[in-house]
Amino acid sequence: MSRPAWSVLVFGVYLLGLGVALVAAPNLLLALAGIASTSEVWIRLAGMLLLILGFFYVQAARAGFTPFFRWTLVTRLSAVAFVLAFVIWLHASPVMLLFWLGDLAGAVWTWLALREKIERG
């Protein structure tokens, strides 16, 4: 497995873990983010979406689908920008940014791995 694929695989597993946590015990993660507990279904739907996204990341990594790896750079960096905007303009808890450090770190790892792959030819 290539280094870019490995970075995307690890991120996919991270997404699967978050998805399981949000489906099974959402209020635990909400408390860590400083968000009020809820019994509504929306948080579990968010977990379901993370499970679906995690599946795509894992499968793309296993297939070595390099275009997908490039696409994830845009979406993961956009997610960080959105959360930062929510914190600044909507006064969301800054603790939320901690969760998106994983997105940022994963995007940087994938970008560096793709750049290395291009330089090697």
N, C-alpha and C. Protein backbone atom coordinates (compact mmCIF):
# COMPACT_ATOMS: atom_id res chain seq x y z
N MET A 1 0.86 -1.18 0.00
CA MET A 1 0.00 0.00 0.00
C MET A 1 0.90 1.24 0.00
N SER A 2 0.58 2.19 -0.86
CA SER A 2 1.38 3.42 -0.96
C SER A 2 1.19 4.28 0.29
N ARG A 3 2.11 5.21 0.48
CA ARG A 3 2.00 6.13 1.63
C ARG A 3 0.73 6.98 1.58
N PRO A 4 0.36 7.54 0.41
CA PRO A 4 -0.91 8.27 0.37
C PRO A 4 -2.10 7.38 0.72
N ALA A 5 -2.10 6.15 0.21
CA ALA A 5 -3.19 5.22 0.52
C ALA A 5 -3.23 4.91 2.01
N TRP A 6 -2.07 4.73 2.60
CA TRP A 6 -1.99 4.44 4.03
C TRP A 6 -2.58 5.59 4.84
N SER A 7 -2.26 6.83 4.45
CA SER A 7 -2.79 7.99 5.19
C SER A 7 -4.31 8.07 5.08
N VAL A 8 -4.84 7.74 3.92
CA VAL A 8 -6.29 7.77 3.72
C VAL A 8 -6.95 6.61 4.47
N LEU A 9 -6.30 5.46 4.49
CA LEU A 9 -6.82 4.32 5.25
C LEU A 9 -6.92 4.65 6.74
N VAL A 10 -5.87 5.22 7.29
CA VAL A 10 -5.87 5.58 8.71
C VAL A 10 -6.98 6.59 8.99
N PHE A 11 -7.14 7.57 8.11
CA PHE A 11 -8.19 8.55 8.31
C PHE A 11 -9.57 7.91 8.21
N GLY A 12 -9.72 6.95 7.30
CA GLY A 12 -10.99 6.23 7.18
C GLY A 12 -11.33 5.46 8.44
N VAL A 13 -10.33 4.84 9.04
CA VAL A 13 -10.55 4.12 10.30
C VAL A 13 -10.93 5.10 11.42
N TYR A 14 -10.28 6.27 11.43
CA TYR A 14 -10.62 7.34 12.38
C TYR A 14 -12.09 7.74 12.21
N LEU A 15 -12.53 7.92 10.96
CA LEU A 15 -13.93 8.27 10.71
C LEU A 15 -14.87 7.17 11.17
N LEU A 16 -14.50 5.92 10.91
CA LEU A 16 -15.33 4.79 11.37
C LEU A 16 -15.45 4.79 12.88
N GLY A 17 -14.35 5.06 13.58
CA GLY A 17 -14.39 5.11 15.05
C GLY A 17 -15.30 6.22 15.55
N LEU A 18 -15.18 7.40 14.95
CA LEU A 18 -16.07 8.50 15.35
C LEU A 18 -17.52 8.16 15.04
N GLY A 19 -17.75 7.53 13.89
CA GLY A 19 -19.11 7.15 13.51
C GLY A 19 -19.72 6.19 14.51
N VAL A 20 -18.96 5.17 14.89
CA VAL A 20 -19.45 4.21 15.88
C VAL A 20 -19.76 4.91 17.20
N ALA A 21 -18.87 5.81 17.61
CA ALA A 21 -19.08 6.53 18.87
C ALA A 21 -20.35 7.37 18.81
N LEU A 22 -20.58 8.05 17.69
CA LEU A 22 -21.78 8.89 17.59
C LEU A 22 -23.06 8.08 17.47
N VAL A 23 -22.98 6.91 16.89
CA VAL A 23 -24.17 6.06 16.82
C VAL A 23 -24.45 5.39 18.17
N ALA A 24 -23.39 4.92 18.81
CA ALA A 24 -23.56 4.13 20.04
C ALA A 24 -23.65 4.98 21.32
N ALA A 25 -22.83 6.02 21.42
CA ALA A 25 -22.78 6.82 22.66
C ALA A 25 -22.54 8.29 22.31
N PRO A 26 -23.49 8.91 21.63
CA PRO A 26 -23.26 10.26 21.12
C PRO A 26 -23.01 11.31 22.20
N ASN A 27 -23.67 11.18 23.33
CA ASN A 27 -23.54 12.21 24.34
C ASN A 27 -22.16 12.26 24.98
N LEU A 28 -21.42 11.17 24.90
CA LEU A 28 -20.04 11.17 25.38
C LEU A 28 -19.20 12.15 24.55
N LEU A 29 -19.29 12.05 23.22
CA LEU A 29 -18.54 12.96 22.36
C LEU A 29 -19.07 14.38 22.45
N LEU A 30 -20.38 14.53 22.57
CA LEU A 30 -20.95 15.87 22.71
C LEU A 30 -20.42 16.56 23.97
N ALA A 31 -20.35 15.82 25.06
CA ALA A 31 -19.82 16.39 26.30
C ALA A 31 -18.37 16.82 26.14
N LEU A 32 -17.58 16.00 25.45
CA LEU A 32 -16.17 16.36 25.21
C LEU A 32 -16.04 17.63 24.39
N ALA A 33 -17.01 17.87 23.49
CA ALA A 33 -16.99 19.06 22.63
C ALA A 33 -17.67 20.25 23.29
N GLY A 34 -18.20 20.06 24.49
CA GLY A 34 -18.87 21.15 25.17
C GLY A 34 -20.24 21.45 24.61
N ILE A 35 -20.89 20.43 24.03
CA ILE A 35 -22.21 20.58 23.44
C ILE A 35 -23.21 19.85 24.33
N ALA A 36 -24.38 20.43 24.51
CA ALA A 36 -25.41 19.84 25.36
C ALA A 36 -25.81 18.46 24.85
N SER A 37 -26.09 17.58 25.79
CA SER A 37 -26.56 16.23 25.46
C SER A 37 -27.89 16.31 24.70
N THR A 38 -28.16 15.27 23.93
CA THR A 38 -29.41 15.22 23.19
C THR A 38 -29.90 13.78 23.10
N SER A 39 -31.20 13.66 22.99
CA SER A 39 -31.78 12.33 22.75
C SER A 39 -32.38 12.29 21.34
N GLU A 40 -32.16 13.36 20.58
CA GLU A 40 -32.69 13.42 19.22
C GLU A 40 -31.84 12.56 18.29
N VAL A 41 -32.43 12.19 17.18
CA VAL A 41 -31.79 11.27 16.25
C VAL A 41 -30.71 11.93 15.40
N TRP A 42 -30.68 13.27 15.30
CA TRP A 42 -29.75 13.94 14.38
C TRP A 42 -28.30 13.57 14.63
N ILE A 43 -27.90 13.40 15.87
CA ILE A 43 -26.50 13.10 16.16
C ILE A 43 -26.14 11.69 15.69
N ARG A 44 -27.07 10.78 15.82
CA ARG A 44 -26.83 9.43 15.33
C ARG A 44 -26.81 9.39 13.79
N LEU A 45 -27.60 10.26 13.16
CA LEU A 45 -27.53 10.38 11.70
C LEU A 45 -26.16 10.91 11.26
N ALA A 46 -25.61 11.84 12.03
CA ALA A 46 -24.25 12.33 11.74
C ALA A 46 -23.25 11.18 11.87
N GLY A 47 -23.44 10.34 12.88
CA GLY A 47 -22.58 9.16 13.05
C GLY A 47 -22.70 8.21 11.88
N MET A 48 -23.93 8.02 11.40
CA MET A 48 -24.15 7.16 10.24
C MET A 48 -23.40 7.71 9.02
N LEU A 49 -23.47 9.02 8.82
CA LEU A 49 -22.75 9.63 7.69
C LEU A 49 -21.25 9.44 7.83
N LEU A 50 -20.73 9.53 9.04
CA LEU A 50 -19.30 9.29 9.24
C LEU A 50 -18.95 7.83 8.93
N LEU A 51 -19.81 6.91 9.29
CA LEU A 51 -19.58 5.51 8.95
C LEU A 51 -19.55 5.31 7.43
N ILE A 52 -20.46 5.96 6.72
CA ILE A 52 -20.49 5.85 5.27
C ILE A 52 -19.23 6.47 4.66
N LEU A 53 -18.86 7.67 5.12
CA LEU A 53 -17.64 8.30 4.62
C LEU A 53 -16.41 7.46 4.94
N GLY A 54 -16.36 6.92 6.15
CA GLY A 54 -15.23 6.07 6.53
C GLY A 54 -15.12 4.86 5.62
N PHE A 55 -16.24 4.28 5.25
CA PHE A 55 -16.24 3.15 4.32
C PHE A 55 -15.60 3.55 2.99
N PHE A 56 -16.00 4.72 2.45
CA PHE A 56 -15.43 5.18 1.18
C PHE A 56 -13.93 5.41 1.29
N TYR A 57 -13.48 6.00 2.39
CA TYR A 57 -12.05 6.24 2.58
C TYR A 57 -11.29 4.92 2.61
N VAL A 58 -11.79 3.96 3.37
CA VAL A 58 -11.11 2.67 3.48
C VAL A 58 -11.07 1.96 2.12
N GLN A 59 -12.18 1.95 1.41
CA GLN A 59 -12.23 1.26 0.12
C GLN A 59 -11.34 1.95 -0.91
N ALA A 60 -11.33 3.28 -0.93
CA ALA A 60 -10.46 4.00 -1.87
C ALA A 60 -9.00 3.74 -1.55
N ALA A 61 -8.66 3.67 -0.28
CA ALA A 61 -7.28 3.37 0.11
C ALA A 61 -6.90 1.97 -0.34
N ARG A 62 -7.77 1.01 -0.09
CA ARG A 62 -7.49 -0.37 -0.49
C ARG A 62 -7.31 -0.50 -2.00
N ALA A 63 -8.07 0.31 -2.76
CA ALA A 63 -7.99 0.27 -4.22
C ALA A 63 -6.85 1.13 -4.77
N GLY A 64 -6.22 1.93 -3.90
CA GLY A 64 -5.15 2.80 -4.36
C GLY A 64 -5.64 3.89 -5.30
N PHE A 65 -6.84 4.41 -5.04
CA PHE A 65 -7.50 5.36 -5.93
C PHE A 65 -6.99 6.78 -5.68
N THR A 66 -5.89 7.11 -6.32
CA THR A 66 -5.20 8.38 -6.09
C THR A 66 -6.07 9.61 -6.33
N PRO A 67 -6.94 9.66 -7.35
CA PRO A 67 -7.79 10.86 -7.48
C PRO A 67 -8.62 11.13 -6.22
N PHE A 68 -9.11 10.09 -5.59
CA PHE A 68 -9.86 10.26 -4.35
C PHE A 68 -8.99 10.88 -3.27
N PHE A 69 -7.74 10.44 -3.18
CA PHE A 69 -6.83 10.98 -2.18
C PHE A 69 -6.70 12.49 -2.35
N ARG A 70 -6.59 12.95 -3.61
CA ARG A 70 -6.50 14.39 -3.89
C ARG A 70 -7.79 15.10 -3.51
N TRP A 71 -8.93 14.48 -3.83
CA TRP A 71 -10.22 15.10 -3.51
C TRP A 71 -10.36 15.31 -2.01
N THR A 72 -9.86 14.36 -1.22
CA THR A 72 -10.03 14.48 0.23
C THR A 72 -9.30 15.68 0.80
N LEU A 73 -8.24 16.12 0.13
CA LEU A 73 -7.52 17.30 0.63
C LEU A 73 -8.45 18.51 0.66
N VAL A 74 -9.23 18.68 -0.39
CA VAL A 74 -10.15 19.81 -0.46
C VAL A 74 -11.21 19.71 0.63
N THR A 75 -11.82 18.55 0.77
CA THR A 75 -12.92 18.42 1.72
C THR A 75 -12.45 18.48 3.16
N ARG A 76 -11.32 17.86 3.48
CA ARG A 76 -10.85 17.89 4.86
C ARG A 76 -10.41 19.28 5.27
N LEU A 77 -9.74 20.00 4.38
CA LEU A 77 -9.34 21.37 4.70
C LEU A 77 -10.56 22.29 4.76
N SER A 78 -11.56 22.04 3.93
CA SER A 78 -12.80 22.81 3.99
C SER A 78 -13.51 22.61 5.32
N ALA A 79 -13.50 21.39 5.81
CA ALA A 79 -14.15 21.10 7.09
C ALA A 79 -13.50 21.92 8.21
N VAL A 80 -12.19 21.99 8.21
CA VAL A 80 -11.48 22.78 9.22
C VAL A 80 -11.88 24.25 9.08
N ALA A 81 -11.93 24.76 7.86
CA ALA A 81 -12.30 26.16 7.64
C ALA A 81 -13.73 26.43 8.11
N PHE A 82 -14.65 25.52 7.84
CA PHE A 82 -16.03 25.69 8.30
C PHE A 82 -16.11 25.76 9.82
N VAL A 83 -15.45 24.83 10.48
CA VAL A 83 -15.51 24.80 11.95
C VAL A 83 -14.88 26.06 12.53
N LEU A 84 -13.77 26.50 11.96
CA LEU A 84 -13.15 27.74 12.41
C LEU A 84 -14.12 28.91 12.23
N ALA A 85 -14.81 28.96 11.11
CA ALA A 85 -15.80 30.01 10.88
C ALA A 85 -16.94 29.92 11.90
N PHE A 86 -17.39 28.71 12.22
CA PHE A 86 -18.45 28.54 13.21
C PHE A 86 -18.00 29.06 14.57
N VAL A 87 -16.75 28.81 14.92
CA VAL A 87 -16.23 29.28 16.21
C VAL A 87 -16.15 30.80 16.22
N ILE A 88 -15.66 31.38 15.13
CA ILE A 88 -15.48 32.83 15.08
C ILE A 88 -16.80 33.57 14.99
N TRP A 89 -17.65 33.19 14.02
CA TRP A 89 -18.84 33.97 13.75
C TRP A 89 -20.11 33.49 14.45
N LEU A 90 -20.18 32.22 14.78
CA LEU A 90 -21.37 31.70 15.44
C LEU A 90 -21.13 31.39 16.91
N HIS A 91 -19.92 31.69 17.38
CA HIS A 91 -19.54 31.51 18.78
C HIS A 91 -19.68 30.06 19.25
N ALA A 92 -19.40 29.13 18.35
CA ALA A 92 -19.36 27.72 18.73
C ALA A 92 -18.18 27.52 19.68
N SER A 93 -18.24 26.47 20.45
CA SER A 93 -17.17 26.18 21.41
C SER A 93 -15.84 25.95 20.68
N PRO A 94 -14.79 26.67 21.09
CA PRO A 94 -13.47 26.44 20.48
C PRO A 94 -12.95 25.02 20.66
N VAL A 95 -13.49 24.30 21.63
CA VAL A 95 -13.10 22.91 21.85
C VAL A 95 -13.41 22.08 20.61
N MET A 96 -14.41 22.49 19.85
CA MET A 96 -14.77 21.76 18.62
C MET A 96 -13.60 21.68 17.65
N LEU A 97 -12.74 22.70 17.68
CA LEU A 97 -11.58 22.70 16.78
C LEU A 97 -10.66 21.52 17.05
N LEU A 98 -10.63 21.04 18.28
CA LEU A 98 -9.77 19.90 18.61
C LEU A 98 -10.13 18.67 17.78
N PHE A 99 -11.43 18.47 17.55
CA PHE A 99 -11.87 17.32 16.76
C PHE A 99 -11.41 17.44 15.32
N TRP A 100 -11.31 18.67 14.83
CA TRP A 100 -10.91 18.87 13.44
C TRP A 100 -9.41 18.95 13.27
N LEU A 101 -8.67 18.88 14.35
CA LEU A 101 -7.22 18.77 14.22
C LEU A 101 -6.86 17.44 13.56
N GLY A 102 -7.68 16.42 13.80
CA GLY A 102 -7.48 15.13 13.14
C GLY A 102 -7.64 15.26 11.63
N ASP A 103 -8.64 16.04 11.19
CA ASP A 103 -8.82 16.29 9.76
C ASP A 103 -7.61 17.03 9.20
N LEU A 104 -7.19 18.06 9.90
CA LEU A 104 -6.05 18.85 9.43
C LEU A 104 -4.78 18.00 9.37
N ALA A 105 -4.52 17.26 10.42
CA ALA A 105 -3.31 16.41 10.45
C ALA A 105 -3.37 15.35 9.34
N GLY A 106 -4.53 14.75 9.15
CA GLY A 106 -4.68 13.75 8.10
C GLY A 106 -4.50 14.35 6.71
N ALA A 107 -5.04 15.54 6.50
CA ALA A 107 -4.90 16.20 5.19
C ALA A 107 -3.45 16.54 4.91
N VAL A 108 -2.75 17.04 5.92
CA VAL A 108 -1.33 17.37 5.74
C VAL A 108 -0.53 16.11 5.45
N TRP A 109 -0.81 15.03 6.17
CA TRP A 109 -0.12 13.76 5.94
C TRP A 109 -0.35 13.28 4.51
N THR A 110 -1.61 13.30 4.06
CA THR A 110 -1.92 12.85 2.70
C THR A 110 -1.25 13.75 1.67
N TRP A 111 -1.29 15.06 1.88
CA TRP A 111 -0.67 16.00 0.94
C TRP A 111 0.83 15.74 0.83
N LEU A 112 1.50 15.58 1.98
CA LEU A 112 2.94 15.31 1.95
C LEU A 112 3.24 13.98 1.25
N ALA A 113 2.42 12.97 1.52
CA ALA A 113 2.63 11.67 0.88
C ALA A 113 2.41 11.74 -0.62
N LEU A 114 1.40 12.48 -1.06
CA LEU A 114 1.16 12.65 -2.50
C LEU A 114 2.30 13.43 -3.15
N ARG A 115 2.77 14.46 -2.47
CA ARG A 115 3.87 15.26 -3.01
C ARG A 115 5.13 14.41 -3.16
N GLU A 116 5.39 13.58 -2.16
CA GLU A 116 6.55 12.68 -2.21
C GLU A 116 6.41 11.70 -3.37
N LYS A 117 5.20 11.19 -3.57
CA LYS A 117 4.95 10.23 -4.66
C LYS A 117 5.19 10.89 -6.02
N ILE A 118 4.77 12.14 -6.17
CA ILE A 118 4.97 12.86 -7.42
C ILE A 118 6.46 13.13 -7.66
N GLU A 119 7.17 13.51 -6.61
CA GLU A 119 8.61 13.80 -6.74
C GLU A 119 9.41 12.56 -7.12
N ARG A 120 8.97 11.41 -6.62
CA ARG A 120 9.65 10.15 -6.94
C ARG A 120 9.32 9.65 -8.35
N GLY A 121 8.20 10.17 -8.86
CA GLY A 121 7.82 9.78 -10.22
C GLY A 121 6.91 8.66 -10.21
